[in-house]
């Protein structure tokens, strides 16, 4: 079983909302920092948001105020609520996890994470 499995992607019009979920099969998921990254065609995978094991939340400037990351350690899940979507948010979204906490700078670095999901496509039409 894959350690992380994303769901909830799809197509939505500009201004719409989507919720992505990440189901983790990792043991003691509360020990992990969980993050969302996204990769648009022809671009590098970029940080979106993270929730550390200490409960600290980080967001990329481009999504701050529109996206909300959350986690439920009892259910081993993490979610990304995305509101006010625009075509610039179109990408494949990936869930990632790493043991321990991280600073804002570290959390943004995709090389930090050693568990990844397969990705889910989000398309925002104009």
PDB file of N, CA and C in Angstrom:
ATOM      1  N   UNK A   1       0.842  -1.188   0.000  1.00  0.00           N
ATOM      2  CA  UNK A   1       0.000   0.000   0.000  1.00  0.00           C
ATOM      3  C   UNK A   1       0.879   1.240   0.000  1.00  0.00           C
ATOM      4  N   UNK A   2       0.525   2.208  -0.874  1.00  0.00           N
ATOM      5  CA  UNK A   2       1.290   3.444  -0.939  1.00  0.00           C
ATOM      6  C   UNK A   2       1.158   4.184   0.380  1.00  0.00           C
ATOM      7  N   UNK A   3       2.238   4.817   0.841  1.00  0.00           N
ATOM      8  CA  UNK A   3       2.183   5.506   2.135  1.00  0.00           C
ATOM      9  C   UNK A   3       1.218   6.677   2.159  1.00  0.00           C
ATOM     10  N   UNK A   4       1.062   7.353   1.025  1.00  0.00           N
ATOM     11  CA  UNK A   4       0.176   8.510   0.949  1.00  0.00           C
ATOM     12  C   UNK A   4      -0.684   8.387  -0.304  1.00  0.00           C
ATOM     13  N   UNK A   5      -1.967   8.629  -0.175  1.00  0.00           N
ATOM     14  CA  UNK A   5      -2.879   8.555  -1.312  1.00  0.00           C
ATOM     15  C   UNK A   5      -3.756   9.799  -1.321  1.00  0.00           C
ATOM     16  N   UNK A   6      -3.674  10.565  -2.417  1.00  0.00           N
ATOM     17  CA  UNK A   6      -4.475  11.777  -2.540  1.00  0.00           C
ATOM     18  C   UNK A   6      -5.797  11.471  -3.223  1.00  0.00           C
ATOM     19  N   UNK A   7      -6.780  12.300  -2.941  1.00  0.00           N
ATOM     20  CA  UNK A   7      -8.077  12.223  -3.619  1.00  0.00           C
ATOM     21  C   UNK A   7      -8.702  13.610  -3.601  1.00  0.00           C
ATOM     22  N   UNK A   8      -9.709  13.785  -4.458  1.00  0.00           N
ATOM     23  CA  UNK A   8     -10.475  15.027  -4.433  1.00  0.00           C
ATOM     24  C   UNK A   8     -10.182  15.996  -5.552  1.00  0.00           C
ATOM     25  N   UNK A   9      -9.262  15.664  -6.427  1.00  0.00           N
ATOM     26  CA  UNK A   9      -8.993  16.549  -7.551  1.00  0.00           C
ATOM     27  C   UNK A   9     -10.146  16.571  -8.532  1.00  0.00           C
ATOM     28  N   UNK A  10     -10.067  17.482  -9.496  1.00  0.00           N
ATOM     29  CA  UNK A  10     -11.108  17.572 -10.500  1.00  0.00           C
ATOM     30  C   UNK A  10     -11.020  18.882 -11.247  1.00  0.00           C
ATOM     31  N   UNK A  11     -12.086  19.211 -11.951  1.00  0.00           N
ATOM     32  CA  UNK A  11     -12.164  20.440 -12.728  1.00  0.00           C
ATOM     33  C   UNK A  11     -13.205  21.367 -12.123  1.00  0.00           C
ATOM     34  N   UNK A  12     -12.827  22.633 -12.005  1.00  0.00           N
ATOM     35  CA  UNK A  12     -13.726  23.618 -11.417  1.00  0.00           C
ATOM     36  C   UNK A  12     -13.549  24.932 -12.146  1.00  0.00           C
ATOM     37  N   UNK A  13     -14.561  25.765 -12.133  1.00  0.00           N
ATOM     38  CA  UNK A  13     -14.469  27.067 -12.778  1.00  0.00           C
ATOM     39  C   UNK A  13     -13.770  28.072 -11.858  1.00  0.00           C
ATOM     40  N   UNK A  14     -13.284  29.130 -12.455  1.00  0.00           N
ATOM     41  CA  UNK A  14     -12.656  30.198 -11.695  1.00  0.00           C
ATOM     42  C   UNK A  14     -13.598  30.687 -10.588  1.00  0.00           C
ATOM     43  N   UNK A  15     -13.012  30.825  -9.408  1.00  0.00           N
ATOM     44  CA  UNK A  15     -13.805  31.246  -8.255  1.00  0.00           C
ATOM     45  C   UNK A  15     -14.376  30.100  -7.446  1.00  0.00           C
ATOM     46  N   UNK A  16     -14.275  28.900  -7.968  1.00  0.00           N
ATOM     47  CA  UNK A  16     -14.829  27.730  -7.291  1.00  0.00           C
ATOM     48  C   UNK A  16     -13.912  27.193  -6.207  1.00  0.00           C
ATOM     49  N   UNK A  17     -14.337  26.092  -5.613  1.00  0.00           N
ATOM     50  CA  UNK A  17     -13.616  25.476  -4.496  1.00  0.00           C
ATOM     51  C   UNK A  17     -13.447  23.985  -4.729  1.00  0.00           C
ATOM     52  N   UNK A  18     -12.386  23.453  -4.158  1.00  0.00           N
ATOM     53  CA  UNK A  18     -12.140  22.017  -4.128  1.00  0.00           C
ATOM     54  C   UNK A  18     -11.489  21.669  -2.804  1.00  0.00           C
ATOM     55  N   UNK A  19     -11.692  20.438  -2.395  1.00  0.00           N
ATOM     56  CA  UNK A  19     -11.030  19.936  -1.191  1.00  0.00           C
ATOM     57  C   UNK A  19     -10.245  18.696  -1.563  1.00  0.00           C
ATOM     58  N   UNK A  20      -8.964  18.704  -1.253  1.00  0.00           N
ATOM     59  CA  UNK A  20      -8.110  17.552  -1.477  1.00  0.00           C
ATOM     60  C   UNK A  20      -7.875  16.843  -0.147  1.00  0.00           C
ATOM     61  N   UNK A  21      -7.858  15.542  -0.194  1.00  0.00           N
ATOM     62  CA  UNK A  21      -7.586  14.741   0.981  1.00  0.00           C
ATOM     63  C   UNK A  21      -6.358  13.856   0.754  1.00  0.00           C
ATOM     64  N   UNK A  22      -5.648  13.603   1.833  1.00  0.00           N
ATOM     65  CA  UNK A  22      -4.458  12.753   1.786  1.00  0.00           C
ATOM     66  C   UNK A  22      -4.602  11.707   2.884  1.00  0.00           C
ATOM     67  N   UNK A  23      -4.701  10.461   2.479  1.00  0.00           N
ATOM     68  CA  UNK A  23      -4.811   9.364   3.436  1.00  0.00           C
ATOM     69  C   UNK A  23      -3.437   8.744   3.633  1.00  0.00           C
ATOM     70  N   UNK A  24      -3.005   8.650   4.884  1.00  0.00           N
ATOM     71  CA  UNK A  24      -1.667   8.156   5.191  1.00  0.00           C
ATOM     72  C   UNK A  24      -1.731   6.781   5.834  1.00  0.00           C
ATOM     73  N   UNK A  25      -0.870   5.905   5.367  1.00  0.00           N
ATOM     74  CA  UNK A  25      -0.746   4.602   6.010  1.00  0.00           C
ATOM     75  C   UNK A  25       0.521   4.534   6.868  1.00  0.00           C
ATOM     76  N   UNK A  26       1.096   5.682   7.137  1.00  0.00           N
ATOM     77  CA  UNK A  26       2.300   5.766   7.961  1.00  0.00           C
ATOM     78  C   UNK A  26       1.952   5.509   9.416  1.00  0.00           C
ATOM     79  N   UNK A  27       2.835   4.816  10.112  1.00  0.00           N
ATOM     80  CA  UNK A  27       2.628   4.576  11.531  1.00  0.00           C
ATOM     81  C   UNK A  27       2.840   5.876  12.292  1.00  0.00           C
ATOM     82  N   UNK A  28       2.002   6.103  13.277  1.00  0.00           N
ATOM     83  CA  UNK A  28       2.107   7.279  14.133  1.00  0.00           C
ATOM     84  C   UNK A  28       2.214   8.556  13.312  1.00  0.00           C
ATOM     85  N   UNK A  29       1.193   8.814  12.532  1.00  0.00           N
ATOM     86  CA  UNK A  29       1.230   9.942  11.615  1.00  0.00           C
ATOM     87  C   UNK A  29       1.367  11.275  12.334  1.00  0.00           C
ATOM     88  N   UNK A  30       1.052  11.330  13.618  1.00  0.00           N
ATOM     89  CA  UNK A  30       1.182  12.589  14.343  1.00  0.00           C
ATOM     90  C   UNK A  30       2.627  13.033  14.455  1.00  0.00           C
ATOM     91  N   UNK A  31       3.576  12.128  14.232  1.00  0.00           N
ATOM     92  CA  UNK A  31       4.983  12.478  14.306  1.00  0.00           C
ATOM     93  C   UNK A  31       5.473  13.197  13.044  1.00  0.00           C
ATOM     94  N   UNK A  32       4.639  13.281  12.038  1.00  0.00           N
ATOM     95  CA  UNK A  32       5.071  13.759  10.735  1.00  0.00           C
ATOM     96  C   UNK A  32       4.652  15.198  10.465  1.00  0.00           C
ATOM     97  N   UNK A  33       5.481  15.869   9.704  1.00  0.00           N
ATOM     98  CA  UNK A  33       5.049  17.084   9.010  1.00  0.00           C
ATOM     99  C   UNK A  33       4.435  16.636   7.687  1.00  0.00           C
ATOM    100  N   UNK A  34       3.274  17.183   7.367  1.00  0.00           N
ATOM    101  CA  UNK A  34       2.583  16.850   6.125  1.00  0.00           C
ATOM    102  C   UNK A  34       2.444  18.125   5.300  1.00  0.00           C
ATOM    103  N   UNK A  35       2.726  18.005   4.027  1.00  0.00           N
ATOM    104  CA  UNK A  35       2.696  19.180   3.151  1.00  0.00           C
ATOM    105  C   UNK A  35       1.988  18.854   1.852  1.00  0.00           C
ATOM    106  N   UNK A  36       1.595  19.914   1.190  1.00  0.00           N
ATOM    107  CA  UNK A  36       1.070  19.825  -0.176  1.00  0.00           C
ATOM    108  C   UNK A  36       1.994  20.604  -1.095  1.00  0.00           C
ATOM    109  N   UNK A  37       2.312  19.990  -2.219  1.00  0.00           N
ATOM    110  CA  UNK A  37       3.064  20.624  -3.286  1.00  0.00           C
ATOM    111  C   UNK A  37       2.218  20.542  -4.553  1.00  0.00           C
ATOM    112  N   UNK A  38       2.587  21.329  -5.542  1.00  0.00           N
ATOM    113  CA  UNK A  38       1.899  21.248  -6.830  1.00  0.00           C
ATOM    114  C   UNK A  38       2.898  21.446  -7.964  1.00  0.00           C
ATOM    115  N   UNK A  39       2.560  20.840  -9.082  1.00  0.00           N
ATOM    116  CA  UNK A  39       3.428  20.933 -10.250  1.00  0.00           C
ATOM    117  C   UNK A  39       2.586  21.199 -11.487  1.00  0.00           C
ATOM    118  N   UNK A  40       2.790  22.367 -12.058  1.00  0.00           N
ATOM    119  CA  UNK A  40       2.117  22.733 -13.302  1.00  0.00           C
ATOM    120  C   UNK A  40       2.971  22.266 -14.475  1.00  0.00           C
ATOM    121  N   UNK A  41       2.372  22.084 -15.648  1.00  0.00           N
ATOM    122  CA  UNK A  41       3.136  21.620 -16.816  1.00  0.00           C
ATOM    123  C   UNK A  41       4.332  22.525 -17.104  1.00  0.00           C
ATOM    124  N   UNK A  42       5.498  21.927 -17.253  1.00  0.00           N
ATOM    125  CA  UNK A  42       6.698  22.678 -17.578  1.00  0.00           C
ATOM    126  C   UNK A  42       7.321  23.418 -16.426  1.00  0.00           C
ATOM    127  N   UNK A  43       6.795  23.239 -15.235  1.00  0.00           N
ATOM    128  CA  UNK A  43       7.318  23.948 -14.062  1.00  0.00           C
ATOM    129  C   UNK A  43       7.784  22.961 -12.999  1.00  0.00           C
ATOM    130  N   UNK A  44       8.600  23.448 -12.084  1.00  0.00           N
ATOM    131  CA  UNK A  44       9.068  22.615 -11.004  1.00  0.00           C
ATOM    132  C   UNK A  44       7.962  22.438  -9.960  1.00  0.00           C
ATOM    133  N   UNK A  45       8.119  21.358  -9.188  1.00  0.00           N
ATOM    134  CA  UNK A  45       7.172  21.122  -8.101  1.00  0.00           C
ATOM    135  C   UNK A  45       7.364  22.200  -7.033  1.00  0.00           C
ATOM    136  N   UNK A  46       6.277  22.841  -6.641  1.00  0.00           N
ATOM    137  CA  UNK A  46       6.349  24.001  -5.757  1.00  0.00           C
ATOM    138  C   UNK A  46       5.552  23.777  -4.476  1.00  0.00           C
ATOM    139  N   UNK A  47       6.053  24.337  -3.408  1.00  0.00           N
ATOM    140  CA  UNK A  47       5.400  24.254  -2.103  1.00  0.00           C
ATOM    141  C   UNK A  47       4.068  24.995  -2.122  1.00  0.00           C
ATOM    142  N   UNK A  48       3.076  24.409  -1.445  1.00  0.00           N
ATOM    143  CA  UNK A  48       1.766  25.049  -1.315  1.00  0.00           C
ATOM    144  C   UNK A  48       1.471  25.346   0.154  1.00  0.00           C
ATOM    145  N   UNK A  49       1.526  24.306   0.986  1.00  0.00           N
ATOM    146  CA  UNK A  49       1.190  24.471   2.406  1.00  0.00           C
ATOM    147  C   UNK A  49       1.736  23.301   3.193  1.00  0.00           C
ATOM    148  N   UNK A  50       1.928  23.517   4.501  1.00  0.00           N
ATOM    149  CA  UNK A  50       2.406  22.452   5.371  1.00  0.00           C
ATOM    150  C   UNK A  50       1.805  22.592   6.759  1.00  0.00           C
ATOM    151  N   UNK A  51       1.635  21.459   7.419  1.00  0.00           N
ATOM    152  CA  UNK A  51       1.251  21.424   8.824  1.00  0.00           C
ATOM    153  C   UNK A  51       2.278  20.555   9.545  1.00  0.00           C
ATOM    154  N   UNK A  52       3.007  21.159  10.476  1.00  0.00           N
ATOM    155  CA  UNK A  52       4.080  20.426  11.133  1.00  0.00           C
ATOM    156  C   UNK A  52       3.534  19.577  12.284  1.00  0.00           C
ATOM    157  N   UNK A  53       4.352  18.705  12.803  1.00  0.00           N
ATOM    158  CA  UNK A  53       3.940  17.853  13.914  1.00  0.00           C
ATOM    159  C   UNK A  53       3.640  18.695  15.151  1.00  0.00           C
ATOM    160  N   UNK A  54       4.161  19.919  15.184  1.00  0.00           N
ATOM    161  CA  UNK A  54       3.905  20.817  16.314  1.00  0.00           C
ATOM    162  C   UNK A  54       2.672  21.680  16.100  1.00  0.00           C
ATOM    163  N   UNK A  55       1.992  21.491  14.971  1.00  0.00           N
ATOM    164  CA  UNK A  55       0.773  22.237  14.710  1.00  0.00           C
ATOM    165  C   UNK A  55       0.988  23.577  14.047  1.00  0.00           C
ATOM    166  N   UNK A  56       2.223  23.862  13.613  1.00  0.00           N
ATOM    167  CA  UNK A  56       2.489  25.123  12.923  1.00  0.00           C
ATOM    168  C   UNK A  56       2.067  24.978  11.461  1.00  0.00           C
ATOM    169  N   UNK A  57       1.463  26.009  10.929  1.00  0.00           N
ATOM    170  CA  UNK A  57       0.996  26.006   9.551  1.00  0.00           C
ATOM    171  C   UNK A  57       1.820  26.983   8.719  1.00  0.00           C
ATOM    172  N   UNK A  58       2.166  26.563   7.529  1.00  0.00           N
ATOM    173  CA  UNK A  58       2.874  27.423   6.586  1.00  0.00           C
ATOM    174  C   UNK A  58       2.133  27.416   5.254  1.00  0.00           C
ATOM    175  N   UNK A  59       2.156  28.561   4.586  1.00  0.00           N
ATOM    176  CA  UNK A  59       1.504  28.685   3.282  1.00  0.00           C
ATOM    177  C   UNK A  59       2.408  29.441   2.313  1.00  0.00           C
ATOM    178  N   UNK A  60       2.346  29.052   1.064  1.00  0.00           N
ATOM    179  CA  UNK A  60       2.966  29.855   0.021  1.00  0.00           C
ATOM    180  C   UNK A  60       2.189  31.159  -0.102  1.00  0.00           C
ATOM    181  N   UNK A  61       2.886  32.221  -0.434  1.00  0.00           N
ATOM    182  CA  UNK A  61       2.227  33.521  -0.541  1.00  0.00           C
ATOM    183  C   UNK A  61       1.090  33.498  -1.559  1.00  0.00           C
ATOM    184  N   UNK A  62       1.234  32.720  -2.600  1.00  0.00           N
ATOM    185  CA  UNK A  62       0.250  32.704  -3.678  1.00  0.00           C
ATOM    186  C   UNK A  62      -1.085  32.091  -3.264  1.00  0.00           C
ATOM    187  N   UNK A  63      -1.100  31.347  -2.155  1.00  0.00           N
ATOM    188  CA  UNK A  63      -2.344  30.699  -1.742  1.00  0.00           C
ATOM    189  C   UNK A  63      -2.834  31.191  -0.390  1.00  0.00           C
ATOM    190  N   UNK A  64      -2.051  32.015   0.270  1.00  0.00           N
ATOM    191  CA  UNK A  64      -2.403  32.491   1.607  1.00  0.00           C
ATOM    192  C   UNK A  64      -3.736  33.230   1.563  1.00  0.00           C
ATOM    193  N   UNK A  65      -4.626  32.878   2.479  1.00  0.00           N
ATOM    194  CA  UNK A  65      -5.949  33.493   2.510  1.00  0.00           C
ATOM    195  C   UNK A  65      -6.976  32.782   1.661  1.00  0.00           C
ATOM    196  N   UNK A  66      -6.529  31.879   0.786  1.00  0.00           N
ATOM    197  CA  UNK A  66      -7.471  31.134  -0.072  1.00  0.00           C
ATOM    198  C   UNK A  66      -7.479  29.642   0.257  1.00  0.00           C
ATOM    199  N   UNK A  67      -6.321  29.114   0.631  1.00  0.00           N
ATOM    200  CA  UNK A  67      -6.189  27.685   0.927  1.00  0.00           C
ATOM    201  C   UNK A  67      -6.038  27.482   2.434  1.00  0.00           C
ATOM    202  N   UNK A  68      -6.557  26.361   2.919  1.00  0.00           N
ATOM    203  CA  UNK A  68      -6.419  26.009   4.323  1.00  0.00           C
ATOM    204  C   UNK A  68      -5.995  24.550   4.438  1.00  0.00           C
ATOM    205  N   UNK A  69      -4.889  24.316   5.133  1.00  0.00           N
ATOM    206  CA  UNK A  69      -4.429  22.953   5.365  1.00  0.00           C
ATOM    207  C   UNK A  69      -4.870  22.522   6.760  1.00  0.00           C
ATOM    208  N   UNK A  70      -5.223  21.265   6.870  1.00  0.00           N
ATOM    209  CA  UNK A  70      -5.632  20.729   8.159  1.00  0.00           C
ATOM    210  C   UNK A  70      -5.241  19.262   8.231  1.00  0.00           C
ATOM    211  N   UNK A  71      -5.306  18.705   9.433  1.00  0.00           N
ATOM    212  CA  UNK A  71      -4.970  17.296   9.607  1.00  0.00           C
ATOM    213  C   UNK A  71      -5.830  16.708  10.720  1.00  0.00           C
ATOM    214  N   UNK A  72      -6.043  15.418  10.614  1.00  0.00           N
ATOM    215  CA  UNK A  72      -6.759  14.673  11.641  1.00  0.00           C
ATOM    216  C   UNK A  72      -5.886  13.466  11.977  1.00  0.00           C
ATOM    217  N   UNK A  73      -5.105  13.576  13.043  1.00  0.00           N
ATOM    218  CA  UNK A  73      -4.162  12.501  13.371  1.00  0.00           C
ATOM    219  C   UNK A  73      -4.872  11.211  13.750  1.00  0.00           C
ATOM    220  N   UNK A  74      -6.043  11.320  14.325  1.00  0.00           N
ATOM    221  CA  UNK A  74      -6.786  10.117  14.702  1.00  0.00           C
ATOM    222  C   UNK A  74      -7.204   9.309  13.472  1.00  0.00           C
ATOM    223  N   UNK A  75      -7.447  10.000  12.370  1.00  0.00           N
ATOM    224  CA  UNK A  75      -7.869   9.335  11.130  1.00  0.00           C
ATOM    225  C   UNK A  75      -6.711   9.186  10.145  1.00  0.00           C
ATOM    226  N   UNK A  76      -5.526   9.680  10.510  1.00  0.00           N
ATOM    227  CA  UNK A  76      -4.355   9.623   9.609  1.00  0.00           C
ATOM    228  C   UNK A  76      -4.649  10.281   8.270  1.00  0.00           C
ATOM    229  N   UNK A  77      -5.248  11.449   8.331  1.00  0.00           N
ATOM    230  CA  UNK A  77      -5.555  12.165   7.102  1.00  0.00           C
ATOM    231  C   UNK A  77      -5.110  13.619   7.206  1.00  0.00           C
ATOM    232  N   UNK A  78      -4.880  14.204   6.049  1.00  0.00           N
ATOM    233  CA  UNK A  78      -4.626  15.635   5.943  1.00  0.00           C
ATOM    234  C   UNK A  78      -5.441  16.152   4.773  1.00  0.00           C
ATOM    235  N   UNK A  79      -5.834  17.406   4.833  1.00  0.00           N
ATOM    236  CA  UNK A  79      -6.688  17.966   3.793  1.00  0.00           C
ATOM    237  C   UNK A  79      -6.198  19.336   3.372  1.00  0.00           C
ATOM    238  N   UNK A  80      -6.599  19.714   2.177  1.00  0.00           N
ATOM    239  CA  UNK A  80      -6.308  21.046   1.662  1.00  0.00           C
ATOM    240  C   UNK A  80      -7.605  21.603   1.094  1.00  0.00           C
ATOM    241  N   UNK A  81      -8.172  22.555   1.774  1.00  0.00           N
ATOM    242  CA  UNK A  81      -9.369  23.238   1.290  1.00  0.00           C
ATOM    243  C   UNK A  81      -8.927  24.404   0.422  1.00  0.00           C
ATOM    244  N   UNK A  82      -9.376  24.414  -0.821  1.00  0.00           N
ATOM    245  CA  UNK A  82      -8.953  25.432  -1.779  1.00  0.00           C
ATOM    246  C   UNK A  82     -10.156  26.239  -2.218  1.00  0.00           C
ATOM    247  N   UNK A  83     -10.127  27.526  -1.936  1.00  0.00           N
ATOM    248  CA  UNK A  83     -11.217  28.436  -2.314  1.00  0.00           C
ATOM    249  C   UNK A  83     -10.710  29.492  -3.274  1.00  0.00           C
ATOM    250  N   UNK A  84     -11.630  30.162  -3.924  1.00  0.00           N
ATOM    251  CA  UNK A  84     -11.293  31.247  -4.865  1.00  0.00           C
ATOM    252  C   UNK A  84     -10.236  30.789  -5.860  1.00  0.00           C
ATOM    253  N   UNK A  85     -10.456  29.634  -6.445  1.00  0.00           N
ATOM    254  CA  UNK A  85      -9.482  29.077  -7.375  1.00  0.00           C
ATOM    255  C   UNK A  85      -9.426  29.881  -8.667  1.00  0.00           C
ATOM    256  N   UNK A  86      -8.242  29.931  -9.247  1.00  0.00           N
ATOM    257  CA  UNK A  86      -8.048  30.604 -10.524  1.00  0.00           C
ATOM    258  C   UNK A  86      -7.196  29.715 -11.426  1.00  0.00           C
ATOM    259  N   UNK A  87      -7.143  30.019 -12.717  1.00  0.00           N
ATOM    260  CA  UNK A  87      -6.394  29.143 -13.632  1.00  0.00           C
ATOM    261  C   UNK A  87      -4.938  28.938 -13.228  1.00  0.00           C
ATOM    262  N   UNK A  88      -4.354  29.875 -12.514  1.00  0.00           N
ATOM    263  CA  UNK A  88      -2.982  29.724 -12.048  1.00  0.00           C
ATOM    264  C   UNK A  88      -2.794  28.618 -11.028  1.00  0.00           C
ATOM    265  N   UNK A  89      -3.897  28.118 -10.487  1.00  0.00           N
ATOM    266  CA  UNK A  89      -3.832  27.016  -9.520  1.00  0.00           C
ATOM    267  C   UNK A  89      -3.876  25.649 -10.212  1.00  0.00           C
ATOM    268  N   UNK A  90      -4.035  25.639 -11.514  1.00  0.00           N
ATOM    269  CA  UNK A  90      -4.077  24.377 -12.250  1.00  0.00           C
ATOM    270  C   UNK A  90      -2.734  23.656 -12.145  1.00  0.00           C
ATOM    271  N   UNK A  91      -2.765  22.419 -11.678  1.00  0.00           N
ATOM    272  CA  UNK A  91      -1.543  21.648 -11.464  1.00  0.00           C
ATOM    273  C   UNK A  91      -1.903  20.261 -10.969  1.00  0.00           C
ATOM    274  N   UNK A  92      -0.894  19.403 -10.926  1.00  0.00           N
ATOM    275  CA  UNK A  92      -1.022  18.154 -10.183  1.00  0.00           C
ATOM    276  C   UNK A  92      -0.594  18.440  -8.751  1.00  0.00           C
ATOM    277  N   UNK A  93      -1.436  18.073  -7.813  1.00  0.00           N
ATOM    278  CA  UNK A  93      -1.183  18.331  -6.398  1.00  0.00           C
ATOM    279  C   UNK A  93      -0.720  17.049  -5.723  1.00  0.00           C
ATOM    280  N   UNK A  94       0.358  17.188  -4.947  1.00  0.00           N
ATOM    281  CA  UNK A  94       0.969  16.050  -4.275  1.00  0.00           C
ATOM    282  C   UNK A  94       0.960  16.250  -2.769  1.00  0.00           C
ATOM    283  N   UNK A  95       0.674  15.193  -2.059  1.00  0.00           N
ATOM    284  CA  UNK A  95       0.814  15.157  -0.619  1.00  0.00           C
ATOM    285  C   UNK A  95       2.196  14.589  -0.295  1.00  0.00           C
ATOM    286  N   UNK A  96       2.854  15.146   0.717  1.00  0.00           N
ATOM    287  CA  UNK A  96       4.187  14.697   1.095  1.00  0.00           C
ATOM    288  C   UNK A  96       4.298  14.681   2.617  1.00  0.00           C
ATOM    289  N   UNK A  97       5.192  13.851   3.132  1.00  0.00           N
ATOM    290  CA  UNK A  97       5.354  13.749   4.573  1.00  0.00           C
ATOM    291  C   UNK A  97       6.801  13.453   4.933  1.00  0.00           C
ATOM    292  N   UNK A  98       7.180  13.907   6.126  1.00  0.00           N
ATOM    293  CA  UNK A  98       8.512  13.648   6.659  1.00  0.00           C
ATOM    294  C   UNK A  98       8.395  13.593   8.185  1.00  0.00           C
ATOM    295  N   UNK A  99       9.199  12.739   8.800  1.00  0.00           N
ATOM    296  CA  UNK A  99       9.180  12.630  10.254  1.00  0.00           C
ATOM    297  C   UNK A  99       9.728  13.900  10.880  1.00  0.00           C
ATOM    298  N   UNK A 100       9.049  14.383  11.918  1.00  0.00           N
ATOM    299  CA  UNK A 100       9.546  15.531  12.651  1.00  0.00           C
ATOM    300  C   UNK A 100       8.933  16.838  12.195  1.00  0.00           C
ATOM    301  N   UNK A 101       9.440  17.920  12.781  1.00  0.00           N
ATOM    302  CA  UNK A 101       8.981  19.259  12.438  1.00  0.00           C
ATOM    303  C   UNK A 101       9.991  19.913  11.506  1.00  0.00           C
ATOM    304  N   UNK A 102       9.658  21.091  11.028  1.00  0.00           N
ATOM    305  CA  UNK A 102      10.578  21.826  10.165  1.00  0.00           C
ATOM    306  C   UNK A 102      10.286  23.307  10.284  1.00  0.00           C
ATOM    307  N   UNK A 103      11.314  24.089  10.007  1.00  0.00           N
ATOM    308  CA  UNK A 103      11.148  25.527   9.963  1.00  0.00           C
ATOM    309  C   UNK A 103      10.455  25.896   8.659  1.00  0.00           C
ATOM    310  N   UNK A 104      10.071  27.145   8.536  1.00  0.00           N
ATOM    311  CA  UNK A 104       9.398  27.583   7.321  1.00  0.00           C
ATOM    312  C   UNK A 104      10.278  27.336   6.101  1.00  0.00           C
ATOM    313  N   UNK A 105      11.548  27.689   6.190  1.00  0.00           N
ATOM    314  CA  UNK A 105      12.458  27.506   5.055  1.00  0.00           C
ATOM    315  C   UNK A 105      12.603  26.035   4.695  1.00  0.00           C
ATOM    316  N   UNK A 106      12.743  25.190   5.713  1.00  0.00           N
ATOM    317  CA  UNK A 106      12.922  23.764   5.457  1.00  0.00           C
ATOM    318  C   UNK A 106      11.657  23.140   4.889  1.00  0.00           C
ATOM    319  N   UNK A 107      10.518  23.533   5.434  1.00  0.00           N
ATOM    320  CA  UNK A 107       9.260  22.937   4.992  1.00  0.00           C
ATOM    321  C   UNK A 107       8.995  23.207   3.509  1.00  0.00           C
ATOM    322  N   UNK A 108       9.495  24.306   3.003  1.00  0.00           N
ATOM    323  CA  UNK A 108       9.263  24.671   1.621  1.00  0.00           C
ATOM    324  C   UNK A 108      10.088  23.819   0.649  1.00  0.00           C
ATOM    325  N   UNK A 109      11.096  23.133   1.139  1.00  0.00           N
ATOM    326  CA  UNK A 109      12.035  22.404   0.284  1.00  0.00           C
ATOM    327  C   UNK A 109      11.528  20.991   0.031  1.00  0.00           C
ATOM    328  N   UNK A 110      11.214  20.684  -1.210  1.00  0.00           N
ATOM    329  CA  UNK A 110      10.646  19.371  -1.514  1.00  0.00           C
ATOM    330  C   UNK A 110      11.643  18.256  -1.239  1.00  0.00           C
ATOM    331  N   UNK A 111      12.941  18.568  -1.195  1.00  0.00           N
ATOM    332  CA  UNK A 111      13.944  17.539  -0.945  1.00  0.00           C
ATOM    333  C   UNK A 111      13.890  17.026   0.499  1.00  0.00           C
ATOM    334  N   UNK A 112      13.191  17.738   1.356  1.00  0.00           N
ATOM    335  CA  UNK A 112      13.084  17.332   2.749  1.00  0.00           C
ATOM    336  C   UNK A 112      12.219  16.085   2.921  1.00  0.00           C
ATOM    337  N   UNK A 113      11.258  15.917   2.023  1.00  0.00           N
ATOM    338  CA  UNK A 113      10.210  14.926   2.216  1.00  0.00           C
ATOM    339  C   UNK A 113      10.595  13.586   1.594  1.00  0.00           C
ATOM    340  N   UNK A 114      10.356  12.519   2.335  1.00  0.00           N
ATOM    341  CA  UNK A 114      10.709  11.195   1.826  1.00  0.00           C
ATOM    342  C   UNK A 114       9.493  10.318   1.555  1.00  0.00           C
ATOM    343  N   UNK A 115       8.294  10.835   1.781  1.00  0.00           N
ATOM    344  CA  UNK A 115       7.082  10.112   1.424  1.00  0.00           C
ATOM    345  C   UNK A 115       6.244  11.015   0.527  1.00  0.00           C
ATOM    346  N   UNK A 116       5.770  10.431  -0.568  1.00  0.00           N
ATOM    347  CA  UNK A 116       4.980  11.186  -1.541  1.00  0.00           C
ATOM    348  C   UNK A 116       3.792  10.361  -2.011  1.00  0.00           C
ATOM    349  N   UNK A 117       2.722  11.074  -2.322  1.00  0.00           N
ATOM    350  CA  UNK A 117       1.595  10.423  -2.965  1.00  0.00           C
ATOM    351  C   UNK A 117       1.780  10.431  -4.478  1.00  0.00           C
ATOM    352  N   UNK A 118       0.801   9.867  -5.169  1.00  0.00           N
ATOM    353  CA  UNK A 118       0.887   9.751  -6.628  1.00  0.00           C
ATOM    354  C   UNK A 118       0.410  11.017  -7.343  1.00  0.00           C
ATOM    355  N   UNK A 119      -0.244  11.900  -6.608  1.00  0.00           N
ATOM    356  CA  UNK A 119      -0.708  13.151  -7.192  1.00  0.00           C
ATOM    357  C   UNK A 119      -2.150  13.092  -7.644  1.00  0.00           C
ATOM    358  N   UNK A 120      -2.802  14.247  -7.636  1.00  0.00           N
ATOM    359  CA  UNK A 120      -4.173  14.365  -8.123  1.00  0.00           C
ATOM    360  C   UNK A 120      -4.288  15.653  -8.927  1.00  0.00           C
ATOM    361  N   UNK A 121      -4.955  15.572 -10.081  1.00  0.00           N
ATOM    362  CA  UNK A 121      -5.029  16.712 -10.995  1.00  0.00           C
ATOM    363  C   UNK A 121      -6.106  17.688 -10.558  1.00  0.00           C
ATOM    364  N   UNK A 122      -5.737  18.962 -10.535  1.00  0.00           N
ATOM    365  CA  UNK A 122      -6.686  20.049 -10.309  1.00  0.00           C
ATOM    366  C   UNK A 122      -6.633  20.959 -11.532  1.00  0.00           C
ATOM    367  N   UNK A 123      -7.784  21.168 -12.156  1.00  0.00           N
ATOM    368  CA  UNK A 123      -7.869  22.030 -13.326  1.00  0.00           C
ATOM    369  C   UNK A 123      -8.895  23.111 -13.066  1.00  0.00           C
ATOM    370  N   UNK A 124      -8.481  24.359 -13.246  1.00  0.00           N
ATOM    371  CA  UNK A 124      -9.381  25.493 -13.049  1.00  0.00           C
ATOM    372  C   UNK A 124      -9.589  26.159 -14.399  1.00  0.00           C
ATOM    373  N   UNK A 125     -10.818  26.175 -14.848  1.00  0.00           N
ATOM    374  CA  UNK A 125     -11.135  26.751 -16.152  1.00  0.00           C
ATOM    375  C   UNK A 125     -11.569  28.204 -15.989  1.00  0.00           C
ATOM    376  N   UNK A 126     -11.251  28.981 -17.018  1.00  0.00           N
ATOM    377  CA  UNK A 126     -11.592  30.410 -16.970  1.00  0.00           C
ATOM    378  C   UNK A 126     -12.970  30.671 -17.541  1.00  0.00           C
TER     379      UNK A 126
END
